[in-house]
């Protein structure tokens, strides 16, 4: 499985391509060089890159909350191997519900 992208309603094709190229980072090479490469390809600053990427919801569809089945959101490419290496994952909503349940005992 791969990273899935859900653009915001205001993002255009170019911005979705920027997001796709950013998330194509394989965690093998130099992350800074990857960011610079994407910026050069689209002739944008790193500020614009991260602003654009921040508007697009990136997630792993093969890592889901063990309680509700919600997909695993990503913040950085480094999250990908980390989240896939876990035996199980719990989303923030379910984690909070479990915490509340434990606190009420």
N, C-alpha and C. Protein backbone atom coordinates (compact mmCIF):
# COMPACT_ATOMS: atom_id res chain seq x y z
N UNK A 1 0.84 -1.18 0.00
CA UNK A 1 0.00 0.00 0.00
C UNK A 1 0.88 1.25 0.00
N UNK A 2 0.29 2.33 -0.38
CA UNK A 2 1.05 3.57 -0.47
C UNK A 2 0.33 4.68 0.29
N UNK A 3 0.95 5.83 0.26
CA UNK A 3 0.35 7.02 0.88
C UNK A 3 -0.79 7.48 -0.02
N UNK A 4 -1.92 7.76 0.58
CA UNK A 4 -3.08 8.29 -0.15
C UNK A 4 -3.18 9.77 0.17
N UNK A 5 -3.62 10.54 -0.81
CA UNK A 5 -3.76 11.99 -0.64
C UNK A 5 -5.20 12.39 -0.88
N UNK A 6 -5.69 13.26 -0.02
CA UNK A 6 -7.02 13.84 -0.19
C UNK A 6 -6.83 15.35 -0.20
N UNK A 7 -6.87 15.97 -1.39
CA UNK A 7 -6.65 17.41 -1.45
C UNK A 7 -7.81 18.18 -0.85
N UNK A 8 -7.54 19.41 -0.45
CA UNK A 8 -8.62 20.27 0.01
C UNK A 8 -9.43 20.67 -1.21
N UNK A 9 -10.61 21.19 -0.99
CA UNK A 9 -11.49 21.55 -2.10
C UNK A 9 -10.94 22.70 -2.93
N UNK A 10 -10.00 23.45 -2.38
CA UNK A 10 -9.46 24.60 -3.10
C UNK A 10 -8.17 24.29 -3.84
N UNK A 11 -7.63 23.10 -3.67
CA UNK A 11 -6.36 22.76 -4.33
C UNK A 11 -6.57 22.37 -5.78
N UNK A 12 -5.63 22.83 -6.61
CA UNK A 12 -5.69 22.51 -8.04
C UNK A 12 -4.76 21.34 -8.36
N UNK A 13 -4.71 20.97 -9.62
CA UNK A 13 -3.90 19.84 -10.05
C UNK A 13 -2.42 20.05 -9.76
N UNK A 14 -1.92 21.25 -9.99
CA UNK A 14 -0.51 21.53 -9.72
C UNK A 14 -0.19 21.33 -8.25
N UNK A 15 -1.04 21.82 -7.39
CA UNK A 15 -0.81 21.68 -5.95
C UNK A 15 -0.89 20.21 -5.53
N UNK A 16 -1.77 19.45 -6.13
CA UNK A 16 -1.84 18.02 -5.83
C UNK A 16 -0.58 17.31 -6.31
N UNK A 17 -0.04 17.73 -7.45
CA UNK A 17 1.22 17.16 -7.94
C UNK A 17 2.37 17.49 -6.99
N UNK A 18 2.38 18.71 -6.46
CA UNK A 18 3.40 19.10 -5.47
C UNK A 18 3.32 18.17 -4.26
N UNK A 19 2.11 17.95 -3.78
CA UNK A 19 1.92 17.07 -2.62
C UNK A 19 2.38 15.64 -2.95
N UNK A 20 2.02 15.17 -4.12
CA UNK A 20 2.41 13.82 -4.52
C UNK A 20 3.91 13.66 -4.58
N UNK A 21 4.59 14.66 -5.15
CA UNK A 21 6.05 14.60 -5.23
C UNK A 21 6.68 14.67 -3.84
N UNK A 22 6.13 15.49 -2.96
CA UNK A 22 6.66 15.59 -1.60
C UNK A 22 6.52 14.24 -0.88
N UNK A 23 5.34 13.63 -0.96
CA UNK A 23 5.09 12.38 -0.24
C UNK A 23 5.76 11.18 -0.91
N UNK A 24 6.34 11.37 -2.09
CA UNK A 24 7.06 10.29 -2.76
C UNK A 24 8.42 10.03 -2.12
N UNK A 25 8.81 10.84 -1.15
CA UNK A 25 10.09 10.64 -0.45
C UNK A 25 10.13 9.24 0.13
N UNK A 26 11.22 8.52 -0.09
CA UNK A 26 11.30 7.11 0.29
C UNK A 26 12.00 6.85 1.62
N UNK A 27 12.33 7.86 2.36
CA UNK A 27 13.01 7.72 3.65
C UNK A 27 14.38 7.07 3.55
N UNK A 28 14.92 6.99 2.35
CA UNK A 28 16.24 6.40 2.16
C UNK A 28 17.32 7.46 1.96
N UNK A 29 16.95 8.55 1.31
CA UNK A 29 17.93 9.57 0.96
C UNK A 29 17.89 10.76 1.90
N UNK A 30 18.46 11.83 1.43
CA UNK A 30 18.57 13.07 2.17
C UNK A 30 17.24 13.84 2.08
N UNK A 31 16.54 13.98 3.18
CA UNK A 31 15.24 14.64 3.21
C UNK A 31 15.34 16.10 2.76
N UNK A 32 16.36 16.81 3.23
CA UNK A 32 16.54 18.22 2.86
C UNK A 32 16.75 18.34 1.35
N UNK A 33 17.53 17.45 0.79
CA UNK A 33 17.75 17.47 -0.67
C UNK A 33 16.45 17.19 -1.41
N UNK A 34 15.63 16.30 -0.86
CA UNK A 34 14.32 16.00 -1.47
C UNK A 34 13.44 17.25 -1.47
N UNK A 35 13.38 17.94 -0.34
CA UNK A 35 12.58 19.16 -0.24
C UNK A 35 13.08 20.20 -1.25
N UNK A 36 14.39 20.38 -1.31
CA UNK A 36 14.96 21.34 -2.26
C UNK A 36 14.62 20.96 -3.70
N UNK A 37 14.67 19.69 -3.99
CA UNK A 37 14.37 19.20 -5.34
C UNK A 37 12.92 19.50 -5.73
N UNK A 38 12.00 19.25 -4.82
CA UNK A 38 10.58 19.53 -5.10
C UNK A 38 10.38 21.04 -5.29
N UNK A 39 11.02 21.83 -4.45
CA UNK A 39 10.91 23.29 -4.57
C UNK A 39 11.46 23.78 -5.91
N UNK A 40 12.59 23.23 -6.32
CA UNK A 40 13.18 23.62 -7.61
C UNK A 40 12.29 23.19 -8.77
N UNK A 41 11.75 22.00 -8.70
CA UNK A 41 10.90 21.48 -9.77
C UNK A 41 9.71 22.39 -10.04
N UNK A 42 9.11 22.91 -8.95
CA UNK A 42 7.92 23.74 -9.09
C UNK A 42 8.20 25.23 -8.94
N UNK A 43 9.48 25.57 -8.77
CA UNK A 43 9.90 26.97 -8.61
C UNK A 43 9.13 27.66 -7.48
N UNK A 44 9.17 27.02 -6.31
CA UNK A 44 8.49 27.55 -5.13
C UNK A 44 9.45 27.55 -3.95
N UNK A 45 9.13 28.32 -2.93
CA UNK A 45 9.93 28.33 -1.71
C UNK A 45 9.51 27.16 -0.82
N UNK A 46 10.33 26.84 0.15
CA UNK A 46 9.98 25.77 1.09
C UNK A 46 8.74 26.16 1.90
N UNK A 47 8.57 27.45 2.15
CA UNK A 47 7.38 27.92 2.86
C UNK A 47 6.11 27.57 2.08
N UNK A 48 6.12 27.84 0.78
CA UNK A 48 4.97 27.53 -0.07
C UNK A 48 4.78 26.02 -0.16
N UNK A 49 5.88 25.28 -0.26
CA UNK A 49 5.80 23.82 -0.30
C UNK A 49 5.05 23.30 0.92
N UNK A 50 5.50 23.69 2.11
CA UNK A 50 4.90 23.15 3.32
C UNK A 50 3.48 23.67 3.53
N UNK A 51 3.20 24.86 3.07
CA UNK A 51 1.84 25.38 3.13
C UNK A 51 0.93 24.53 2.24
N UNK A 52 1.39 24.23 1.04
CA UNK A 52 0.62 23.42 0.09
C UNK A 52 0.43 22.00 0.63
N UNK A 53 1.49 21.40 1.12
CA UNK A 53 1.42 20.04 1.66
C UNK A 53 0.49 20.00 2.87
N UNK A 54 0.50 21.04 3.67
CA UNK A 54 -0.34 21.09 4.86
C UNK A 54 -1.82 21.16 4.56
N UNK A 55 -2.18 21.56 3.36
CA UNK A 55 -3.58 21.64 2.98
C UNK A 55 -4.12 20.32 2.43
N UNK A 56 -3.23 19.39 2.17
CA UNK A 56 -3.61 18.10 1.59
C UNK A 56 -3.53 17.04 2.70
N UNK A 57 -4.60 16.31 2.90
CA UNK A 57 -4.64 15.27 3.92
C UNK A 57 -3.95 14.02 3.39
N UNK A 58 -2.86 13.62 4.03
CA UNK A 58 -2.12 12.43 3.64
C UNK A 58 -2.36 11.35 4.69
N UNK A 59 -2.56 10.12 4.21
CA UNK A 59 -2.85 9.04 5.16
C UNK A 59 -2.42 7.69 4.60
N UNK A 60 -2.31 6.73 5.50
CA UNK A 60 -2.04 5.34 5.12
C UNK A 60 -3.35 4.59 5.20
N UNK A 61 -3.77 4.00 4.12
CA UNK A 61 -5.04 3.27 4.16
C UNK A 61 -4.88 1.84 4.66
N UNK A 62 -3.63 1.39 4.82
CA UNK A 62 -3.40 0.04 5.33
C UNK A 62 -3.07 0.02 6.83
N UNK A 63 -3.05 1.18 7.47
CA UNK A 63 -2.88 1.26 8.92
C UNK A 63 -4.13 1.96 9.45
N UNK A 64 -4.90 1.23 10.23
CA UNK A 64 -6.18 1.76 10.71
C UNK A 64 -6.30 1.60 12.23
N UNK A 65 -7.11 2.46 12.82
CA UNK A 65 -7.37 2.39 14.26
C UNK A 65 -7.96 1.02 14.59
N UNK A 66 -7.42 0.40 15.61
CA UNK A 66 -7.89 -0.93 15.98
C UNK A 66 -9.30 -0.92 16.56
N UNK A 67 -9.82 0.24 16.93
CA UNK A 67 -11.16 0.32 17.51
C UNK A 67 -12.22 0.78 16.51
N UNK A 68 -11.94 1.86 15.78
CA UNK A 68 -12.97 2.43 14.89
C UNK A 68 -12.67 2.27 13.41
N UNK A 69 -11.44 1.89 13.07
CA UNK A 69 -11.09 1.67 11.67
C UNK A 69 -10.67 2.91 10.91
N UNK A 70 -10.51 4.04 11.61
CA UNK A 70 -10.09 5.29 10.96
C UNK A 70 -8.69 5.13 10.38
N UNK A 71 -8.45 5.74 9.20
CA UNK A 71 -7.13 5.66 8.57
C UNK A 71 -6.10 6.45 9.36
N UNK A 72 -4.84 6.09 9.18
CA UNK A 72 -3.74 6.71 9.91
C UNK A 72 -3.25 7.97 9.20
N UNK A 73 -3.49 9.16 9.78
CA UNK A 73 -3.01 10.39 9.15
C UNK A 73 -1.49 10.52 9.29
N UNK A 74 -0.89 11.21 8.32
CA UNK A 74 0.56 11.41 8.31
C UNK A 74 0.88 12.89 8.44
N UNK A 75 1.95 13.17 9.15
CA UNK A 75 2.44 14.55 9.25
C UNK A 75 3.75 14.72 8.50
N UNK A 76 4.60 13.71 8.53
CA UNK A 76 5.89 13.76 7.84
C UNK A 76 6.15 12.40 7.19
N UNK A 77 6.99 12.37 6.16
CA UNK A 77 7.32 11.07 5.54
C UNK A 77 7.94 10.07 6.53
N UNK A 78 8.59 10.57 7.58
CA UNK A 78 9.18 9.67 8.58
C UNK A 78 8.10 8.88 9.33
N UNK A 79 6.87 9.36 9.32
CA UNK A 79 5.78 8.64 9.98
C UNK A 79 5.46 7.32 9.28
N UNK A 80 5.73 7.23 8.00
CA UNK A 80 5.31 6.06 7.22
C UNK A 80 5.93 4.76 7.76
N UNK A 81 7.26 4.62 7.79
CA UNK A 81 7.80 3.36 8.30
C UNK A 81 7.53 3.17 9.79
N UNK A 82 7.47 4.27 10.54
CA UNK A 82 7.20 4.17 11.98
C UNK A 82 5.80 3.61 12.23
N UNK A 83 4.80 4.15 11.55
CA UNK A 83 3.43 3.69 11.77
C UNK A 83 3.22 2.27 11.26
N UNK A 84 3.89 1.93 10.18
CA UNK A 84 3.75 0.56 9.64
C UNK A 84 4.46 -0.47 10.52
N UNK A 85 5.42 -0.04 11.31
CA UNK A 85 6.16 -0.98 12.16
C UNK A 85 5.40 -1.33 13.43
N UNK A 86 4.37 -0.56 13.77
CA UNK A 86 3.60 -0.82 14.98
C UNK A 86 2.71 -2.05 14.81
N UNK A 87 2.51 -2.78 15.89
CA UNK A 87 1.60 -3.93 15.86
C UNK A 87 0.16 -3.47 15.70
N UNK A 88 -0.18 -2.37 16.37
CA UNK A 88 -1.53 -1.82 16.27
C UNK A 88 -1.44 -0.32 16.48
N UNK A 89 -2.50 0.37 16.09
CA UNK A 89 -2.55 1.82 16.21
C UNK A 89 -3.94 2.24 16.65
N UNK A 90 -3.99 3.28 17.45
CA UNK A 90 -5.25 3.80 17.97
C UNK A 90 -5.32 5.29 17.66
N UNK A 91 -6.42 5.74 17.03
CA UNK A 91 -6.56 7.15 16.68
C UNK A 91 -6.74 8.00 17.94
N UNK A 92 -6.58 9.30 17.81
CA UNK A 92 -6.67 10.21 18.96
C UNK A 92 -8.04 10.17 19.63
N UNK A 93 -9.09 10.05 18.85
CA UNK A 93 -10.45 10.03 19.41
C UNK A 93 -10.65 8.81 20.29
N UNK A 94 -10.27 7.65 19.78
CA UNK A 94 -10.41 6.41 20.55
C UNK A 94 -9.45 6.40 21.74
N UNK A 95 -8.25 6.91 21.54
CA UNK A 95 -7.28 6.98 22.63
C UNK A 95 -7.83 7.84 23.78
N UNK A 96 -8.44 8.97 23.43
CA UNK A 96 -9.03 9.85 24.44
C UNK A 96 -10.20 9.16 25.13
N UNK A 97 -11.03 8.45 24.37
CA UNK A 97 -12.18 7.73 24.95
C UNK A 97 -11.70 6.66 25.92
N UNK A 98 -10.64 5.96 25.55
CA UNK A 98 -10.08 4.94 26.44
C UNK A 98 -9.51 5.56 27.71
N UNK A 99 -8.85 6.71 27.54
CA UNK A 99 -8.29 7.42 28.69
C UNK A 99 -9.41 7.85 29.62
N UNK A 100 -10.48 8.40 29.06
CA UNK A 100 -11.63 8.85 29.87
C UNK A 100 -12.26 7.68 30.60
N UNK A 101 -12.36 6.55 29.93
CA UNK A 101 -12.93 5.36 30.54
C UNK A 101 -12.08 4.91 31.73
N UNK A 102 -10.75 4.94 31.56
CA UNK A 102 -9.84 4.55 32.66
C UNK A 102 -9.91 5.55 33.81
N UNK A 103 -10.09 6.83 33.50
CA UNK A 103 -10.16 7.86 34.53
C UNK A 103 -11.43 7.79 35.35
N UNK A 104 -12.49 7.26 34.76
CA UNK A 104 -13.77 7.21 35.47
C UNK A 104 -13.87 6.03 36.43
N UNK A 105 -12.89 5.17 36.43
CA UNK A 105 -12.91 4.00 37.33
C UNK A 105 -12.51 4.37 38.72
